[in-house]
Amino acid sequence: MQNTTARASSQPTLSVGELAKRAGVAVSALHFYERRGLIASYRSTGNQRRFPRSMLRRVSVIKAAQSLGLSLDEVADALAVLPEDRAPSSAEWDAMAQHWRANLDMRIKRLELLRDLLSGCIGCGCLSTEICPLRNPEDKLAAYGAGPHFLDPDILAEEVARVMAASERNRPG
């Protein structure tokens, strides 16, 4: 997305301050988003930065995505499917939403696993607490390398369930 020095436009525009106020972000955030190519402005004949109103929706999407923990690179990839010169159609918004769906589904699954395993073992392989030998008998998770394996999307849910079931069967008392 690029800025232009001057562009005649029949559609309403917003100043950087107006956009910041409407979107609930700091002006500096808008400048940052613009440098990253997430939004675009142009300069009026009076050399004022002007934003098409469609940028308000883009900024709202950026804020929502960030609140979900998505990176700005992920946001940029998703926004790349939207038109730059006009407000997107419903079909174009749906295409962008589909872009994130699998990623968000995986994040939800990982957060649910973290919530459910937080007070116990998350498969780190540390063997430093009493419960680890029960959750990870003979350090079988070491075959997956270092790290919290139960939260790793590459480890099949069936493997996590198998290890957890075995640990429950081996738990004393």
C-alpha atoms as a PDB file:
ATOM      1  CA  MET A   1       0.000   0.000   0.000  1.00  0.00           C
ATOM      2  CA  GLN A   2       1.528   3.292  -1.002  1.00  0.00           C
ATOM      3  CA  ASN A   3       0.894   6.918  -0.262  1.00  0.00           C
ATOM      4  CA  THR A   4       0.347   9.367  -3.053  1.00  0.00           C
ATOM      5  CA  THR A   5       1.298  13.014  -2.927  1.00  0.00           C
ATOM      6  CA  ALA A   6      -2.043  14.352  -4.061  1.00  0.00           C
ATOM      7  CA  ARG A   7      -5.212  12.670  -5.219  1.00  0.00           C
ATOM      8  CA  ALA A   8      -8.523  14.121  -6.071  1.00  0.00           C
ATOM      9  CA  SER A   9     -11.200  12.100  -4.384  1.00  0.00           C
ATOM     10  CA  SER A  10     -14.939  12.400  -4.434  1.00  0.00           C
ATOM     11  CA  GLN A  11     -15.307  10.090  -1.442  1.00  0.00           C
ATOM     12  CA  PRO A  12     -15.140  11.512   2.085  1.00  0.00           C
ATOM     13  CA  THR A  13     -11.794  11.349   3.830  1.00  0.00           C
ATOM     14  CA  LEU A  14     -10.535  11.581   7.386  1.00  0.00           C
ATOM     15  CA  SER A  15      -7.574  13.482   8.805  1.00  0.00           C
ATOM     16  CA  VAL A  16      -5.069  11.494  10.829  1.00  0.00           C
ATOM     17  CA  GLY A  17      -6.569  12.924  14.031  1.00  0.00           C
ATOM     18  CA  GLU A  18     -10.119  12.072  12.973  1.00  0.00           C
ATOM     19  CA  LEU A  19      -9.133   8.530  12.044  1.00  0.00           C
ATOM     20  CA  ALA A  20      -7.280   8.087  15.333  1.00  0.00           C
ATOM     21  CA  LYS A  21     -10.276   9.321  17.328  1.00  0.00           C
ATOM     22  CA  ARG A  22     -12.824   7.203  15.414  1.00  0.00           C
ATOM     23  CA  ALA A  23     -10.666   4.067  15.603  1.00  0.00           C
ATOM     24  CA  GLY A  24      -9.626   4.558  19.230  1.00  0.00           C
ATOM     25  CA  VAL A  25      -5.886   4.471  18.532  1.00  0.00           C
ATOM     26  CA  ALA A  26      -3.043   6.928  18.912  1.00  0.00           C
ATOM     27  CA  VAL A  27      -1.935   8.992  15.936  1.00  0.00           C
ATOM     28  CA  SER A  28       1.501   7.398  16.340  1.00  0.00           C
ATOM     29  CA  ALA A  29      -0.114   3.956  15.865  1.00  0.00           C
ATOM     30  CA  LEU A  30      -1.581   5.111  12.557  1.00  0.00           C
ATOM     31  CA  HIS A  31       1.817   6.350  11.421  1.00  0.00           C
ATOM     32  CA  PHE A  32       3.299   2.997  12.410  1.00  0.00           C
ATOM     33  CA  TYR A  33       0.588   1.040  10.554  1.00  0.00           C
ATOM     34  CA  GLU A  34       1.152   3.215   7.522  1.00  0.00           C
ATOM     35  CA  ARG A  35       4.922   2.606   7.572  1.00  0.00           C
ATOM     36  CA  ARG A  36       4.180  -1.142   7.758  1.00  0.00           C
ATOM     37  CA  GLY A  37       1.910  -0.859   4.698  1.00  0.00           C
ATOM     38  CA  LEU A  38      -1.260  -1.845   6.573  1.00  0.00           C
ATOM     39  CA  ILE A  39      -3.073   1.401   5.786  1.00  0.00           C
ATOM     40  CA  ALA A  40      -2.528   4.172   3.255  1.00  0.00           C
ATOM     41  CA  SER A  41      -3.070   7.894   3.044  1.00  0.00           C
ATOM     42  CA  TYR A  42      -2.453  10.588   0.514  1.00  0.00           C
ATOM     43  CA  ARG A  43      -1.491  14.230   0.778  1.00  0.00           C
ATOM     44  CA  SER A  44      -4.059  16.884   0.014  1.00  0.00           C
ATOM     45  CA  THR A  45      -3.170  19.937  -2.035  1.00  0.00           C
ATOM     46  CA  GLY A  46      -2.577  21.646   1.332  1.00  0.00           C
ATOM     47  CA  ASN A  47      -0.085  18.843   2.193  1.00  0.00           C
ATOM     48  CA  GLN A  48      -2.339  17.359   4.857  1.00  0.00           C
ATOM     49  CA  ARG A  49      -2.437  13.615   5.322  1.00  0.00           C
ATOM     50  CA  ARG A  50      -5.882  12.298   4.360  1.00  0.00           C
ATOM     51  CA  PHE A  51      -7.237   8.776   4.762  1.00  0.00           C
ATOM     52  CA  PRO A  52     -10.068   7.242   2.764  1.00  0.00           C
ATOM     53  CA  ARG A  53     -12.907   6.266   5.114  1.00  0.00           C
ATOM     54  CA  SER A  54     -12.279   2.616   4.215  1.00  0.00           C
ATOM     55  CA  MET A  55      -9.086   2.816   6.310  1.00  0.00           C
ATOM     56  CA  LEU A  56     -11.261   3.056   9.438  1.00  0.00           C
ATOM     57  CA  ARG A  57     -12.389  -0.525   8.880  1.00  0.00           C
ATOM     58  CA  ARG A  58      -8.794  -1.654   8.253  1.00  0.00           C
ATOM     59  CA  VAL A  59      -7.655  -0.066  11.522  1.00  0.00           C
ATOM     60  CA  SER A  60     -10.530  -1.762  13.334  1.00  0.00           C
ATOM     61  CA  VAL A  61      -9.471  -5.109  11.875  1.00  0.00           C
ATOM     62  CA  ILE A  62      -5.864  -4.467  12.933  1.00  0.00           C
ATOM     63  CA  LYS A  63      -6.967  -3.689  16.504  1.00  0.00           C
ATOM     64  CA  ALA A  64      -9.208  -6.756  16.674  1.00  0.00           C
ATOM     65  CA  ALA A  65      -6.471  -8.996  15.292  1.00  0.00           C
ATOM     66  CA  GLN A  66      -3.914  -7.664  17.742  1.00  0.00           C
ATOM     67  CA  SER A  67      -6.298  -8.239  20.631  1.00  0.00           C
ATOM     68  CA  LEU A  68      -6.463 -11.885  19.502  1.00  0.00           C
ATOM     69  CA  GLY A  69      -2.679 -12.120  19.563  1.00  0.00           C
ATOM     70  CA  LEU A  70      -2.122 -12.081  15.805  1.00  0.00           C
ATOM     71  CA  SER A  71       1.109 -10.518  14.607  1.00  0.00           C
ATOM     72  CA  LEU A  72       1.202  -7.555  12.281  1.00  0.00           C
ATOM     73  CA  ASP A  73       2.693  -9.833   9.615  1.00  0.00           C
ATOM     74  CA  GLU A  74      -0.385 -12.065   9.895  1.00  0.00           C
ATOM     75  CA  VAL A  75      -2.594  -8.981   9.688  1.00  0.00           C
ATOM     76  CA  ALA A  76      -0.724  -7.762   6.595  1.00  0.00           C
ATOM     77  CA  ASP A  77      -1.163 -11.150   4.900  1.00  0.00           C
ATOM     78  CA  ALA A  78      -4.894 -11.095   5.551  1.00  0.00           C
ATOM     79  CA  LEU A  79      -5.368  -7.472   4.527  1.00  0.00           C
ATOM     80  CA  ALA A  80      -3.481  -8.142   1.284  1.00  0.00           C
ATOM     81  CA  VAL A  81      -6.611  -9.799  -0.157  1.00  0.00           C
ATOM     82  CA  LEU A  82      -8.674  -6.630   0.332  1.00  0.00           C
ATOM     83  CA  PRO A  83      -8.909  -3.824  -2.230  1.00  0.00           C
ATOM     84  CA  GLU A  84      -6.873  -0.714  -1.469  1.00  0.00           C
ATOM     85  CA  ASP A  85      -8.962   1.824  -3.368  1.00  0.00           C
ATOM     86  CA  ARG A  86     -12.440   1.133  -1.989  1.00  0.00           C
ATOM     87  CA  ALA A  87     -14.344  -0.471   0.834  1.00  0.00           C
ATOM     88  CA  PRO A  88     -14.332  -4.261   0.487  1.00  0.00           C
ATOM     89  CA  SER A  89     -17.394  -6.245  -0.481  1.00  0.00           C
ATOM     90  CA  SER A  90     -18.921  -8.858   1.802  1.00  0.00           C
ATOM     91  CA  ALA A  91     -17.299 -11.601  -0.277  1.00  0.00           C
ATOM     92  CA  GLU A  92     -13.898  -9.929   0.087  1.00  0.00           C
ATOM     93  CA  TRP A  93     -14.354  -9.669   3.864  1.00  0.00           C
ATOM     94  CA  ASP A  94     -15.323 -13.344   3.947  1.00  0.00           C
ATOM     95  CA  ALA A  95     -12.126 -14.214   2.047  1.00  0.00           C
ATOM     96  CA  MET A  96     -10.079 -12.331   4.627  1.00  0.00           C
ATOM     97  CA  ALA A  97     -11.900 -14.044   7.488  1.00  0.00           C
ATOM     98  CA  GLN A  98     -11.216 -17.467   5.965  1.00  0.00           C
ATOM     99  CA  HIS A  99      -7.553 -16.516   5.841  1.00  0.00           C
ATOM    100  CA  TRP A 100      -7.500 -16.391   9.654  1.00  0.00           C
ATOM    101  CA  ARG A 101      -9.946 -19.156  10.519  1.00  0.00           C
ATOM    102  CA  ALA A 102      -7.504 -22.086  10.671  1.00  0.00           C
ATOM    103  CA  ASN A 103      -4.967 -20.023  12.585  1.00  0.00           C
ATOM    104  CA  LEU A 104      -7.554 -18.916  15.141  1.00  0.00           C
ATOM    105  CA  ASP A 105      -8.945 -22.452  15.493  1.00  0.00           C
ATOM    106  CA  MET A 106      -5.435 -23.725  16.292  1.00  0.00           C
ATOM    107  CA  ARG A 107      -4.870 -20.907  18.797  1.00  0.00           C
ATOM    108  CA  ILE A 108      -8.156 -21.728  20.508  1.00  0.00           C
ATOM    109  CA  LYS A 109      -7.213 -25.388  20.741  1.00  0.00           C
ATOM    110  CA  ARG A 110      -3.790 -24.512  22.179  1.00  0.00           C
ATOM    111  CA  LEU A 111      -5.305 -22.102  24.717  1.00  0.00           C
ATOM    112  CA  GLU A 112      -7.812 -24.735  25.832  1.00  0.00           C
ATOM    113  CA  LEU A 113      -4.972 -27.243  26.252  1.00  0.00           C
ATOM    114  CA  LEU A 114      -2.929 -24.711  28.209  1.00  0.00           C
ATOM    115  CA  ARG A 115      -5.926 -23.927  30.445  1.00  0.00           C
ATOM    116  CA  ASP A 116      -6.571 -27.619  31.091  1.00  0.00           C
ATOM    117  CA  LEU A 117      -2.925 -28.536  31.689  1.00  0.00           C
ATOM    118  CA  LEU A 118      -1.740 -25.409  33.475  1.00  0.00           C
ATOM    119  CA  SER A 119      -1.865 -26.826  36.981  1.00  0.00           C
ATOM    120  CA  GLY A 120      -0.224 -30.059  35.881  1.00  0.00           C
ATOM    121  CA  CYS A 121       2.241 -30.883  33.179  1.00  0.00           C
ATOM    122  CA  ILE A 122       2.424 -29.225  29.764  1.00  0.00           C
ATOM    123  CA  GLY A 123       4.817 -31.854  28.408  1.00  0.00           C
ATOM    124  CA  CYS A 124       8.010 -29.876  28.789  1.00  0.00           C
ATOM    125  CA  GLY A 125      10.163 -32.942  29.402  1.00  0.00           C
ATOM    126  CA  CYS A 126      11.888 -31.273  32.366  1.00  0.00           C
ATOM    127  CA  LEU A 127      11.398 -34.190  34.782  1.00  0.00           C
ATOM    128  CA  SER A 128      11.977 -31.666  37.565  1.00  0.00           C
ATOM    129  CA  THR A 129       8.764 -32.170  39.518  1.00  0.00           C
ATOM    130  CA  GLU A 130       7.129 -35.223  40.989  1.00  0.00           C
ATOM    131  CA  ILE A 131       4.351 -35.364  38.448  1.00  0.00           C
ATOM    132  CA  CYS A 132       6.554 -35.324  35.320  1.00  0.00           C
ATOM    133  CA  PRO A 133       7.643 -38.961  35.525  1.00  0.00           C
ATOM    134  CA  LEU A 134       3.954 -39.844  35.713  1.00  0.00           C
ATOM    135  CA  ARG A 135       2.943 -37.665  32.774  1.00  0.00           C
ATOM    136  CA  ASN A 136       6.015 -38.469  30.713  1.00  0.00           C
ATOM    137  CA  PRO A 137       7.127 -41.996  31.631  1.00  0.00           C
ATOM    138  CA  GLU A 138      10.703 -42.723  30.594  1.00  0.00           C
ATOM    139  CA  ASP A 139      10.850 -39.242  29.031  1.00  0.00           C
ATOM    140  CA  LYS A 140       9.061 -40.446  25.889  1.00  0.00           C
ATOM    141  CA  LEU A 141       8.247 -36.869  24.884  1.00  0.00           C
ATOM    142  CA  ALA A 142      11.975 -36.197  24.460  1.00  0.00           C
ATOM    143  CA  ALA A 143      11.622 -37.798  21.027  1.00  0.00           C
ATOM    144  CA  TYR A 144       9.786 -34.608  19.990  1.00  0.00           C
ATOM    145  CA  GLY A 145      12.661 -32.353  21.083  1.00  0.00           C
ATOM    146  CA  ALA A 146      12.702 -29.594  23.674  1.00  0.00           C
ATOM    147  CA  GLY A 147       9.689 -27.550  24.698  1.00  0.00           C
ATOM    148  CA  PRO A 148       6.096 -27.805  25.927  1.00  0.00           C
ATOM    149  CA  HIS A 149       4.924 -30.595  23.633  1.00  0.00           C
ATOM    150  CA  PHE A 150       1.300 -30.791  24.704  1.00  0.00           C
ATOM    151  CA  LEU A 151       0.866 -27.274  23.295  1.00  0.00           C
ATOM    152  CA  ASP A 152       2.676 -28.035  20.036  1.00  0.00           C
ATOM    153  CA  PRO A 153       0.251 -28.140  17.093  1.00  0.00           C
ATOM    154  CA  ASP A 154       2.480 -30.633  15.278  1.00  0.00           C
ATOM    155  CA  ILE A 155       1.985 -33.267  17.963  1.00  0.00           C
ATOM    156  CA  LEU A 156      -1.225 -35.100  17.319  1.00  0.00           C
ATOM    157  CA  ALA A 157      -3.979 -34.671  19.861  1.00  0.00           C
ATOM    158  CA  GLU A 158      -4.213 -38.476  20.020  1.00  0.00           C
ATOM    159  CA  GLU A 159      -0.588 -38.659  21.243  1.00  0.00           C
ATOM    160  CA  VAL A 160      -1.287 -36.098  23.963  1.00  0.00           C
ATOM    161  CA  ALA A 161      -4.435 -37.979  24.986  1.00  0.00           C
ATOM    162  CA  ARG A 162      -2.493 -41.284  25.056  1.00  0.00           C
ATOM    163  CA  VAL A 163       0.253 -39.864  27.287  1.00  0.00           C
ATOM    164  CA  MET A 164      -2.303 -38.201  29.574  1.00  0.00           C
ATOM    165  CA  ALA A 165      -4.359 -41.412  29.870  1.00  0.00           C
ATOM    166  CA  ALA A 166      -1.258 -43.442  30.663  1.00  0.00           C
ATOM    167  CA  SER A 167      -0.239 -40.930  33.327  1.00  0.00           C
ATOM    168  CA  GLU A 168      -3.690 -41.142  34.950  1.00  0.00           C
ATOM    169  CA  ARG A 169      -3.447 -44.948  35.052  1.00  0.00           C
ATOM    170  CA  ASN A 170       0.030 -44.736  36.645  1.00  0.00           C
ATOM    171  CA  ARG A 171      -0.857 -42.052  39.169  1.00  0.00           C
ATOM    172  CA  PRO A 172      -0.592 -43.313  42.776  1.00  0.00           C
ATOM    173  CA  GLY A 173      -3.641 -43.359  45.000  1.00  0.00           C
END
